[in-house]
Amino acid sequence: MTEFTTVYDAFLSKILDDEWEDWEDEATEEDLFTLLQGAVVRFKFPRTPLTYTLDGFDNDLSDIEI
């Protein structure tokens, strides 16, 4: 199982914008989850199924999927 925080941390390390810096944690999580949902449906050929629950992805994702 891959937790969402693993994916969020990888994403946040690659952006330069500090948009979420002053947001509360709950608002940031909601925004990141919305971005994640949009990214999952656009990922064309994942090697691992990208099924998830509210706790995280059901499978261990590779660096490519993350």
N, C-alpha and C. Protein backbone atom coordinates (compact mmCIF):
# COMPACT_ATOMS: atom_id res chain seq x y z
N MET A 1 0.84 -1.18 0.00
CA MET A 1 0.00 0.00 0.00
C MET A 1 0.88 1.24 0.00
N THR A 2 0.54 2.18 -0.82
CA THR A 2 1.25 3.45 -0.88
C THR A 2 0.33 4.54 -0.33
N GLU A 3 0.80 5.24 0.68
CA GLU A 3 0.01 6.30 1.27
C GLU A 3 0.02 7.53 0.37
N PHE A 4 -1.04 8.30 0.44
CA PHE A 4 -1.13 9.52 -0.36
C PHE A 4 -0.01 10.50 -0.01
N THR A 5 0.41 10.52 1.23
CA THR A 5 1.45 11.48 1.63
C THR A 5 2.74 11.25 0.86
N THR A 6 3.01 10.00 0.48
CA THR A 6 4.20 9.71 -0.33
C THR A 6 4.11 10.40 -1.68
N VAL A 7 2.93 10.33 -2.30
CA VAL A 7 2.72 10.97 -3.60
C VAL A 7 2.71 12.49 -3.44
N TYR A 8 2.05 12.98 -2.41
CA TYR A 8 2.00 14.43 -2.17
C TYR A 8 3.40 15.00 -1.96
N ASP A 9 4.21 14.31 -1.17
CA ASP A 9 5.57 14.80 -0.90
C ASP A 9 6.40 14.86 -2.19
N ALA A 10 6.24 13.85 -3.05
CA ALA A 10 6.96 13.85 -4.32
C ALA A 10 6.52 15.02 -5.19
N PHE A 11 5.23 15.29 -5.22
CA PHE A 11 4.70 16.41 -5.99
C PHE A 11 5.20 17.74 -5.44
N LEU A 12 5.06 17.92 -4.14
CA LEU A 12 5.43 19.20 -3.53
C LEU A 12 6.93 19.50 -3.64
N SER A 13 7.76 18.46 -3.72
CA SER A 13 9.20 18.68 -3.86
C SER A 13 9.57 19.20 -5.25
N LYS A 14 8.66 19.06 -6.22
CA LYS A 14 8.96 19.46 -7.60
C LYS A 14 8.37 20.82 -7.99
N ILE A 15 7.56 21.41 -7.13
CA ILE A 15 6.97 22.70 -7.50
C ILE A 15 7.68 23.83 -6.76
N LEU A 16 7.65 24.98 -7.35
CA LEU A 16 8.31 26.14 -6.76
C LEU A 16 7.32 27.08 -6.09
N ASP A 17 6.05 26.94 -6.41
CA ASP A 17 5.03 27.84 -5.89
C ASP A 17 4.74 27.53 -4.42
N ASP A 18 4.66 28.56 -3.61
CA ASP A 18 4.37 28.39 -2.19
C ASP A 18 2.89 28.62 -1.90
N GLU A 19 2.04 28.30 -2.86
CA GLU A 19 0.61 28.56 -2.72
C GLU A 19 0.03 27.93 -1.47
N TRP A 20 0.47 26.72 -1.13
CA TRP A 20 -0.10 26.01 0.00
C TRP A 20 0.60 26.34 1.33
N GLU A 21 1.57 27.18 1.31
CA GLU A 21 2.37 27.45 2.50
C GLU A 21 1.53 27.97 3.67
N ASP A 22 0.60 28.87 3.42
CA ASP A 22 -0.19 29.47 4.49
C ASP A 22 -1.56 28.81 4.68
N TRP A 23 -1.84 27.76 3.94
CA TRP A 23 -3.12 27.07 4.06
C TRP A 23 -3.11 26.17 5.28
N GLU A 24 -4.29 25.90 5.80
CA GLU A 24 -4.41 24.93 6.88
C GLU A 24 -4.25 23.54 6.28
N ASP A 25 -3.80 22.59 7.11
CA ASP A 25 -3.51 21.24 6.63
C ASP A 25 -4.71 20.59 5.95
N GLU A 26 -5.88 20.77 6.50
CA GLU A 26 -7.07 20.13 5.93
C GLU A 26 -7.38 20.66 4.53
N ALA A 27 -7.27 21.96 4.34
CA ALA A 27 -7.52 22.57 3.03
C ALA A 27 -6.46 22.12 2.02
N THR A 28 -5.24 22.03 2.46
CA THR A 28 -4.15 21.57 1.58
C THR A 28 -4.41 20.13 1.15
N GLU A 29 -4.77 19.26 2.10
CA GLU A 29 -5.05 17.85 1.79
C GLU A 29 -6.19 17.73 0.77
N GLU A 30 -7.23 18.52 0.93
CA GLU A 30 -8.35 18.47 0.00
C GLU A 30 -7.93 18.89 -1.40
N ASP A 31 -7.13 19.93 -1.49
CA ASP A 31 -6.66 20.41 -2.79
C ASP A 31 -5.73 19.39 -3.45
N LEU A 32 -4.82 18.83 -2.67
CA LEU A 32 -3.92 17.83 -3.22
C LEU A 32 -4.67 16.58 -3.67
N PHE A 33 -5.69 16.18 -2.90
CA PHE A 33 -6.48 15.00 -3.28
C PHE A 33 -7.21 15.24 -4.59
N THR A 34 -7.72 16.44 -4.79
CA THR A 34 -8.39 16.78 -6.05
C THR A 34 -7.41 16.71 -7.22
N LEU A 35 -6.21 17.22 -7.02
CA LEU A 35 -5.18 17.13 -8.07
C LEU A 35 -4.80 15.68 -8.34
N LEU A 36 -4.72 14.88 -7.29
CA LEU A 36 -4.38 13.47 -7.43
C LEU A 36 -5.44 12.72 -8.24
N GLN A 37 -6.70 12.97 -7.95
CA GLN A 37 -7.78 12.32 -8.70
C GLN A 37 -7.70 12.66 -10.18
N GLY A 38 -7.41 13.90 -10.51
CA GLY A 38 -7.27 14.30 -11.90
C GLY A 38 -6.08 13.64 -12.58
N ALA A 39 -5.01 13.46 -11.84
CA ALA A 39 -3.81 12.84 -12.40
C ALA A 39 -4.00 11.35 -12.63
N VAL A 40 -4.70 10.68 -11.72
CA VAL A 40 -4.90 9.23 -11.84
C VAL A 40 -5.66 8.89 -13.12
N VAL A 41 -6.70 9.63 -13.43
CA VAL A 41 -7.49 9.32 -14.64
C VAL A 41 -6.72 9.64 -15.92
N ARG A 42 -5.70 10.45 -15.84
CA ARG A 42 -4.91 10.79 -17.04
C ARG A 42 -3.68 9.90 -17.22
N PHE A 43 -3.37 9.08 -16.23
CA PHE A 43 -2.21 8.18 -16.33
C PHE A 43 -2.60 7.04 -17.25
N LYS A 44 -1.99 7.00 -18.45
CA LYS A 44 -2.46 6.10 -19.50
C LYS A 44 -2.12 4.63 -19.28
N PHE A 45 -0.89 4.31 -18.95
CA PHE A 45 -0.49 2.90 -18.89
C PHE A 45 0.27 2.60 -17.60
N PRO A 46 -0.39 2.65 -16.45
CA PRO A 46 0.32 2.32 -15.21
C PRO A 46 0.66 0.83 -15.18
N ARG A 47 1.81 0.51 -14.64
CA ARG A 47 2.20 -0.90 -14.51
C ARG A 47 1.50 -1.53 -13.31
N THR A 48 1.11 -0.70 -12.38
CA THR A 48 0.40 -1.14 -11.19
C THR A 48 -0.98 -0.50 -11.23
N PRO A 49 -2.04 -1.25 -10.92
CA PRO A 49 -3.36 -0.63 -10.89
C PRO A 49 -3.40 0.54 -9.90
N LEU A 50 -4.01 1.63 -10.31
CA LEU A 50 -4.06 2.83 -9.48
C LEU A 50 -5.36 2.94 -8.71
N THR A 51 -5.82 1.81 -8.19
CA THR A 51 -7.03 1.82 -7.37
C THR A 51 -6.67 2.32 -5.98
N TYR A 52 -7.60 3.05 -5.38
CA TYR A 52 -7.32 3.63 -4.07
C TYR A 52 -8.57 3.72 -3.22
N THR A 53 -8.32 3.86 -1.92
CA THR A 53 -9.38 4.12 -0.95
C THR A 53 -9.03 5.45 -0.29
N LEU A 54 -9.75 5.82 0.72
CA LEU A 54 -9.43 7.06 1.42
C LEU A 54 -8.14 6.96 2.23
N ASP A 55 -7.62 5.75 2.42
CA ASP A 55 -6.38 5.55 3.17
C ASP A 55 -5.14 5.62 2.29
N GLY A 56 -5.29 5.40 0.99
CA GLY A 56 -4.15 5.42 0.08
C GLY A 56 -4.38 4.46 -1.07
N PHE A 57 -3.33 4.24 -1.84
CA PHE A 57 -3.42 3.32 -2.97
C PHE A 57 -3.39 1.89 -2.47
N ASP A 58 -4.13 1.02 -3.13
CA ASP A 58 -4.23 -0.38 -2.71
C ASP A 58 -2.93 -1.14 -2.94
N ASN A 59 -2.11 -0.69 -3.87
CA ASN A 59 -0.88 -1.39 -4.25
C ASN A 59 0.33 -0.54 -3.91
N ASP A 60 1.49 -1.19 -3.95
CA ASP A 60 2.74 -0.45 -3.81
C ASP A 60 3.08 0.15 -5.16
N LEU A 61 3.13 1.46 -5.23
CA LEU A 61 3.43 2.14 -6.49
C LEU A 61 4.94 2.28 -6.68
N SER A 62 5.36 2.21 -7.93
CA SER A 62 6.77 2.44 -8.25
C SER A 62 7.03 3.94 -8.31
N ASP A 63 8.28 4.30 -8.45
CA ASP A 63 8.62 5.71 -8.59
C ASP A 63 7.96 6.32 -9.83
N ILE A 64 7.79 5.54 -10.86
CA ILE A 64 7.17 6.04 -12.09
C ILE A 64 5.73 6.44 -11.83
N GLU A 65 4.98 5.57 -11.14
CA GLU A 65 3.59 5.90 -10.84
C GLU A 65 3.49 7.06 -9.86
N ILE A 66 4.37 7.08 -8.89
CA ILE A 66 4.36 8.19 -7.93
C ILE A 66 4.69 9.48 -8.63
